[in-house]
Amino acid sequence: MNINIKKGQTGVFDLIVAVFIATIAIMALALSWDRSISKLNEKNEINDLQIKLYQISDLLITSEGNKDEWDELVPGVNPTSLGLAKKDRVLYKEKIDKLSTLDISDIEELLNIEPYGFQIVVKELRGDVIQTIGIPPQANSRVFVFTRYASLKEKENVVNPRYRGEPVEIITKIWKD
């Protein structure tokens, strides 16, 4: 009789140890799964930012925007479509100047990037900054940068134009605070 009781106690003890080990294994699996999901979400967010960055820079240097609104450049009237180009990769200085006068929130809305910060820097190849649009990122922000090159012109009716097709560098930055 004494022998049967010890075998039963051993069986219950084995069950308790097995349940304890299984619980630890399930917790480890859950933590690993959670970490994997977090990394995957972060990678997706990075990919989304990079795609937005490319689309913004491409829109600005290849699109004319709404031609009528940009051609007239009426003070106080914001364009409904952004685009700095006269034609593909030939930018107008006047459009860049007009874009810099727009409110940052209006630009973010037109570009559909409200939750993000952005900055566009147009500068000559020798390094002189022509125009900076937007605010600089904070030091602790993860900033994505995309650089494109184009030609810069002033409209034909400008007397003594400074820019007659000079190459410029367009640096587009985007980040999430």
C-alpha atoms as a PDB file:
ATOM      1  CA  MET A   1       0.000   0.000   0.000  1.00  0.00           C
ATOM      2  CA  ASN A   2       2.805   2.385   0.772  1.00  0.00           C
ATOM      3  CA  ILE A   3       4.377   1.730  -2.626  1.00  0.00           C
ATOM      4  CA  ASN A   4       1.237   2.800  -4.585  1.00  0.00           C
ATOM      5  CA  ILE A   5       1.030   6.112  -2.743  1.00  0.00           C
ATOM      6  CA  LYS A   6       4.636   7.012  -3.661  1.00  0.00           C
ATOM      7  CA  LYS A   7       4.017   6.190  -7.338  1.00  0.00           C
ATOM      8  CA  GLY A   8       0.973   8.458  -7.331  1.00  0.00           C
ATOM      9  CA  GLN A   9       2.932  11.274  -5.720  1.00  0.00           C
ATOM     10  CA  THR A  10       5.690  10.883  -8.318  1.00  0.00           C
ATOM     11  CA  GLY A  11       3.126  11.037 -11.160  1.00  0.00           C
ATOM     12  CA  VAL A  12       1.560  14.240  -9.774  1.00  0.00           C
ATOM     13  CA  PHE A  13       5.020  15.788  -9.295  1.00  0.00           C
ATOM     14  CA  ASP A  14       5.907  14.915 -12.931  1.00  0.00           C
ATOM     15  CA  LEU A  15       2.656  16.563 -14.070  1.00  0.00           C
ATOM     16  CA  ILE A  16       3.431  19.740 -12.106  1.00  0.00           C
ATOM     17  CA  VAL A  17       6.961  19.930 -13.580  1.00  0.00           C
ATOM     18  CA  ALA A  18       5.598  19.336 -17.104  1.00  0.00           C
ATOM     19  CA  VAL A  19       2.954  22.067 -16.714  1.00  0.00           C
ATOM     20  CA  PHE A  20       5.600  24.468 -15.355  1.00  0.00           C
ATOM     21  CA  ILE A  21       7.959  23.769 -18.307  1.00  0.00           C
ATOM     22  CA  ALA A  22       5.092  24.120 -20.808  1.00  0.00           C
ATOM     23  CA  THR A  23       4.064  27.452 -19.245  1.00  0.00           C
ATOM     24  CA  ILE A  24       7.621  28.784 -19.538  1.00  0.00           C
ATOM     25  CA  ALA A  25       7.826  27.603 -23.164  1.00  0.00           C
ATOM     26  CA  ILE A  26       4.514  29.301 -24.041  1.00  0.00           C
ATOM     27  CA  MET A  27       5.618  32.550 -22.358  1.00  0.00           C
ATOM     28  CA  ALA A  28       8.936  32.489 -24.278  1.00  0.00           C
ATOM     29  CA  LEU A  29       7.057  31.904 -27.532  1.00  0.00           C
ATOM     30  CA  ALA A  30       4.662  34.787 -26.790  1.00  0.00           C
ATOM     31  CA  LEU A  31       7.541  37.185 -26.026  1.00  0.00           C
ATOM     32  CA  SER A  32       9.383  36.129 -29.164  1.00  0.00           C
ATOM     33  CA  TRP A  33       6.220  36.612 -31.238  1.00  0.00           C
ATOM     34  CA  ASP A  34       5.636  40.068 -29.769  1.00  0.00           C
ATOM     35  CA  ARG A  35       9.223  41.117 -30.506  1.00  0.00           C
ATOM     36  CA  SER A  36       8.931  39.837 -34.085  1.00  0.00           C
ATOM     37  CA  ILE A  37       5.693  41.771 -34.635  1.00  0.00           C
ATOM     38  CA  SER A  38       7.306  44.958 -33.264  1.00  0.00           C
ATOM     39  CA  LYS A  39      10.280  44.618 -35.616  1.00  0.00           C
ATOM     40  CA  LEU A  40       8.001  43.910 -38.564  1.00  0.00           C
ATOM     41  CA  ASN A  41       5.866  46.985 -37.800  1.00  0.00           C
ATOM     42  CA  GLU A  42       9.003  49.133 -37.536  1.00  0.00           C
ATOM     43  CA  LYS A  43      10.283  47.857 -40.889  1.00  0.00           C
ATOM     44  CA  ASN A  44       6.897  48.557 -42.494  1.00  0.00           C
ATOM     45  CA  GLU A  45       6.924  52.101 -41.135  1.00  0.00           C
ATOM     46  CA  ILE A  46      10.453  52.648 -42.461  1.00  0.00           C
ATOM     47  CA  ASN A  47       9.430  51.341 -45.885  1.00  0.00           C
ATOM     48  CA  ASP A  48       6.376  53.624 -45.898  1.00  0.00           C
ATOM     49  CA  LEU A  49       8.530  56.650 -45.044  1.00  0.00           C
ATOM     50  CA  GLN A  50      11.030  55.819 -47.771  1.00  0.00           C
ATOM     51  CA  ILE A  51       8.272  55.401 -50.344  1.00  0.00           C
ATOM     52  CA  LYS A  52       6.649  58.711 -49.309  1.00  0.00           C
ATOM     53  CA  LEU A  53      10.039  60.416 -49.484  1.00  0.00           C
ATOM     54  CA  TYR A  54      10.655  59.177 -53.024  1.00  0.00           C
ATOM     55  CA  GLN A  55       7.138  60.125 -54.123  1.00  0.00           C
ATOM     56  CA  ILE A  56       7.461  63.641 -52.695  1.00  0.00           C
ATOM     57  CA  SER A  57      10.825  64.304 -54.307  1.00  0.00           C
ATOM     58  CA  ASP A  58       9.615  62.876 -57.618  1.00  0.00           C
ATOM     59  CA  LEU A  59       6.425  64.966 -57.504  1.00  0.00           C
ATOM     60  CA  LEU A  60       8.326  68.170 -56.834  1.00  0.00           C
ATOM     61  CA  ILE A  61      10.910  67.849 -59.603  1.00  0.00           C
ATOM     62  CA  THR A  62       8.911  66.144 -62.355  1.00  0.00           C
ATOM     63  CA  SER A  63       5.439  67.669 -61.993  1.00  0.00           C
ATOM     64  CA  GLU A  64       4.225  71.140 -62.919  1.00  0.00           C
ATOM     65  CA  GLY A  65       1.471  70.939 -60.345  1.00  0.00           C
ATOM     66  CA  ASN A  66      -1.724  72.726 -61.295  1.00  0.00           C
ATOM     67  CA  LYS A  67      -0.242  74.831 -64.091  1.00  0.00           C
ATOM     68  CA  ASP A  68      -2.769  77.671 -63.945  1.00  0.00           C
ATOM     69  CA  GLU A  69      -2.311  78.221 -60.203  1.00  0.00           C
ATOM     70  CA  TRP A  70       1.480  78.193 -60.405  1.00  0.00           C
ATOM     71  CA  ASP A  71       1.662  80.359 -63.526  1.00  0.00           C
ATOM     72  CA  GLU A  72      -0.360  83.137 -61.933  1.00  0.00           C
ATOM     73  CA  LEU A  73       1.207  82.802 -58.454  1.00  0.00           C
ATOM     74  CA  VAL A  74      -1.547  84.877 -56.834  1.00  0.00           C
ATOM     75  CA  PRO A  75      -0.508  86.033 -53.334  1.00  0.00           C
ATOM     76  CA  GLY A  76      -2.676  84.499 -50.613  1.00  0.00           C
ATOM     77  CA  VAL A  77      -4.007  81.718 -52.851  1.00  0.00           C
ATOM     78  CA  ASN A  78      -2.444  78.326 -52.267  1.00  0.00           C
ATOM     79  CA  PRO A  79      -2.082  75.874 -55.132  1.00  0.00           C
ATOM     80  CA  THR A  80      -4.111  72.669 -54.964  1.00  0.00           C
ATOM     81  CA  SER A  81      -1.339  70.563 -56.490  1.00  0.00           C
ATOM     82  CA  LEU A  82       2.372  70.914 -55.841  1.00  0.00           C
ATOM     83  CA  GLY A  83       5.045  70.669 -58.485  1.00  0.00           C
ATOM     84  CA  LEU A  84       8.086  72.869 -58.998  1.00  0.00           C
ATOM     85  CA  ALA A  85       8.938  71.844 -62.544  1.00  0.00           C
ATOM     86  CA  LYS A  86       8.550  73.751 -65.778  1.00  0.00           C
ATOM     87  CA  LYS A  87       9.154  70.410 -67.442  1.00  0.00           C
ATOM     88  CA  ASP A  88      10.757  67.197 -66.222  1.00  0.00           C
ATOM     89  CA  ARG A  89      13.665  68.101 -63.892  1.00  0.00           C
ATOM     90  CA  VAL A  90      13.699  71.787 -64.873  1.00  0.00           C
ATOM     91  CA  LEU A  91      12.527  73.830 -61.902  1.00  0.00           C
ATOM     92  CA  TYR A  92      11.284  77.402 -61.732  1.00  0.00           C
ATOM     93  CA  LYS A  93      12.825  79.584 -59.048  1.00  0.00           C
ATOM     94  CA  GLU A  94       9.503  81.426 -58.654  1.00  0.00           C
ATOM     95  CA  LYS A  95       7.700  78.196 -57.759  1.00  0.00           C
ATOM     96  CA  ILE A  96      10.301  77.399 -55.120  1.00  0.00           C
ATOM     97  CA  ASP A  97       9.913  80.897 -53.682  1.00  0.00           C
ATOM     98  CA  LYS A  98       6.101  80.554 -53.688  1.00  0.00           C
ATOM     99  CA  LEU A  99       6.307  77.150 -51.982  1.00  0.00           C
ATOM    100  CA  SER A 100       8.499  78.641 -49.252  1.00  0.00           C
ATOM    101  CA  THR A 101       5.817  81.245 -48.483  1.00  0.00           C
ATOM    102  CA  LEU A 102       3.108  78.625 -47.912  1.00  0.00           C
ATOM    103  CA  ASP A 103       2.264  77.569 -44.381  1.00  0.00           C
ATOM    104  CA  ILE A 104       3.948  74.305 -43.421  1.00  0.00           C
ATOM    105  CA  SER A 105       0.638  72.733 -42.449  1.00  0.00           C
ATOM    106  CA  ASP A 106      -0.743  73.551 -45.933  1.00  0.00           C
ATOM    107  CA  ILE A 107       2.248  71.874 -47.581  1.00  0.00           C
ATOM    108  CA  GLU A 108       1.907  68.832 -45.304  1.00  0.00           C
ATOM    109  CA  GLU A 109      -1.767  68.597 -46.238  1.00  0.00           C
ATOM    110  CA  LEU A 110      -1.064  68.880 -49.971  1.00  0.00           C
ATOM    111  CA  LEU A 111       1.643  66.199 -49.700  1.00  0.00           C
ATOM    112  CA  ASN A 112      -0.513  64.078 -47.371  1.00  0.00           C
ATOM    113  CA  ILE A 113       2.228  63.804 -44.731  1.00  0.00           C
ATOM    114  CA  GLU A 114       0.536  65.371 -41.706  1.00  0.00           C
ATOM    115  CA  PRO A 115       1.974  62.959 -39.095  1.00  0.00           C
ATOM    116  CA  TYR A 116       5.529  63.506 -40.343  1.00  0.00           C
ATOM    117  CA  GLY A 117       8.041  66.308 -40.306  1.00  0.00           C
ATOM    118  CA  PHE A 118       9.679  67.376 -43.551  1.00  0.00           C
ATOM    119  CA  GLN A 119      12.274  69.693 -44.968  1.00  0.00           C
ATOM    120  CA  ILE A 120      13.206  70.504 -48.543  1.00  0.00           C
ATOM    121  CA  VAL A 121      16.551  72.154 -49.241  1.00  0.00           C
ATOM    122  CA  VAL A 122      17.382  73.494 -52.683  1.00  0.00           C
ATOM    123  CA  LYS A 123      21.015  74.384 -53.117  1.00  0.00           C
ATOM    124  CA  GLU A 124      23.573  75.040 -55.775  1.00  0.00           C
ATOM    125  CA  LEU A 125      26.110  72.315 -56.452  1.00  0.00           C
ATOM    126  CA  ARG A 126      28.879  74.416 -54.916  1.00  0.00           C
ATOM    127  CA  GLY A 127      26.905  74.346 -51.651  1.00  0.00           C
ATOM    128  CA  ASP A 128      25.116  77.711 -51.494  1.00  0.00           C
ATOM    129  CA  VAL A 129      21.565  77.229 -50.206  1.00  0.00           C
ATOM    130  CA  ILE A 130      18.951  78.770 -52.481  1.00  0.00           C
ATOM    131  CA  GLN A 131      15.883  77.969 -50.373  1.00  0.00           C
ATOM    132  CA  THR A 132      14.949  75.886 -47.343  1.00  0.00           C
ATOM    133  CA  ILE A 133      11.330  74.861 -46.918  1.00  0.00           C
ATOM    134  CA  GLY A 134      10.068  73.286 -43.713  1.00  0.00           C
ATOM    135  CA  ILE A 135      11.687  72.907 -40.327  1.00  0.00           C
ATOM    136  CA  PRO A 136      14.904  71.053 -39.484  1.00  0.00           C
ATOM    137  CA  PRO A 137      14.525  67.698 -37.729  1.00  0.00           C
ATOM    138  CA  GLN A 138      15.177  67.319 -34.034  1.00  0.00           C
ATOM    139  CA  ALA A 139      18.482  65.742 -33.038  1.00  0.00           C
ATOM    140  CA  ASN A 140      16.842  62.535 -31.790  1.00  0.00           C
ATOM    141  CA  SER A 141      14.668  62.002 -34.902  1.00  0.00           C
ATOM    142  CA  ARG A 142      15.299  59.201 -37.366  1.00  0.00           C
ATOM    143  CA  VAL A 143      15.605  61.154 -40.590  1.00  0.00           C
ATOM    144  CA  PHE A 144      15.317  59.741 -44.101  1.00  0.00           C
ATOM    145  CA  VAL A 145      17.028  61.778 -46.807  1.00  0.00           C
ATOM    146  CA  PHE A 146      16.663  61.618 -50.572  1.00  0.00           C
ATOM    147  CA  THR A 147      18.758  63.763 -52.905  1.00  0.00           C
ATOM    148  CA  ARG A 148      17.830  64.558 -56.491  1.00  0.00           C
ATOM    149  CA  TYR A 149      19.344  66.841 -59.106  1.00  0.00           C
ATOM    150  CA  ALA A 150      17.620  69.198 -61.511  1.00  0.00           C
ATOM    151  CA  SER A 151      18.128  72.425 -63.445  1.00  0.00           C
ATOM    152  CA  LEU A 152      16.943  75.751 -62.061  1.00  0.00           C
ATOM    153  CA  LYS A 153      15.552  78.515 -64.254  1.00  0.00           C
ATOM    154  CA  GLU A 154      13.778  81.778 -63.761  1.00  0.00           C
ATOM    155  CA  LYS A 155      10.780  82.703 -65.891  1.00  0.00           C
ATOM    156  CA  GLU A 156      11.503  84.250 -69.263  1.00  0.00           C
ATOM    157  CA  ASN A 157      10.100  87.656 -68.294  1.00  0.00           C
ATOM    158  CA  VAL A 158      12.619  88.124 -65.434  1.00  0.00           C
ATOM    159  CA  VAL A 159      15.136  90.851 -66.204  1.00  0.00           C
ATOM    160  CA  ASN A 160      18.737  89.708 -65.646  1.00  0.00           C
ATOM    161  CA  PRO A 161      17.896  86.214 -64.405  1.00  0.00           C
ATOM    162  CA  ARG A 162      20.406  84.670 -62.028  1.00  0.00           C
ATOM    163  CA  TYR A 163      19.439  81.106 -62.886  1.00  0.00           C
ATOM    164  CA  ARG A 164      19.441  80.067 -66.532  1.00  0.00           C
ATOM    165  CA  GLY A 165      19.431  76.303 -66.190  1.00  0.00           C
ATOM    166  CA  GLU A 166      22.118  75.836 -63.539  1.00  0.00           C
ATOM    167  CA  PRO A 167      22.195  72.388 -61.910  1.00  0.00           C
ATOM    168  CA  VAL A 168      20.862  72.287 -58.362  1.00  0.00           C
ATOM    169  CA  GLU A 169      20.571  69.699 -55.630  1.00  0.00           C
ATOM    170  CA  ILE A 170      17.166  69.071 -54.053  1.00  0.00           C
ATOM    171  CA  ILE A 171      17.465  67.402 -50.656  1.00  0.00           C
ATOM    172  CA  THR A 172      14.181  66.089 -49.302  1.00  0.00           C
ATOM    173  CA  LYS A 173      14.017  64.955 -45.669  1.00  0.00           C
ATOM    174  CA  ILE A 174      11.190  63.234 -43.845  1.00  0.00           C
ATOM    175  CA  TRP A 175      10.931  61.930 -40.293  1.00  0.00           C
ATOM    176  CA  LYS A 176       8.484  60.944 -37.635  1.00  0.00           C
ATOM    177  CA  ASP A 177       8.813  62.759 -34.315  1.00  0.00           C
END
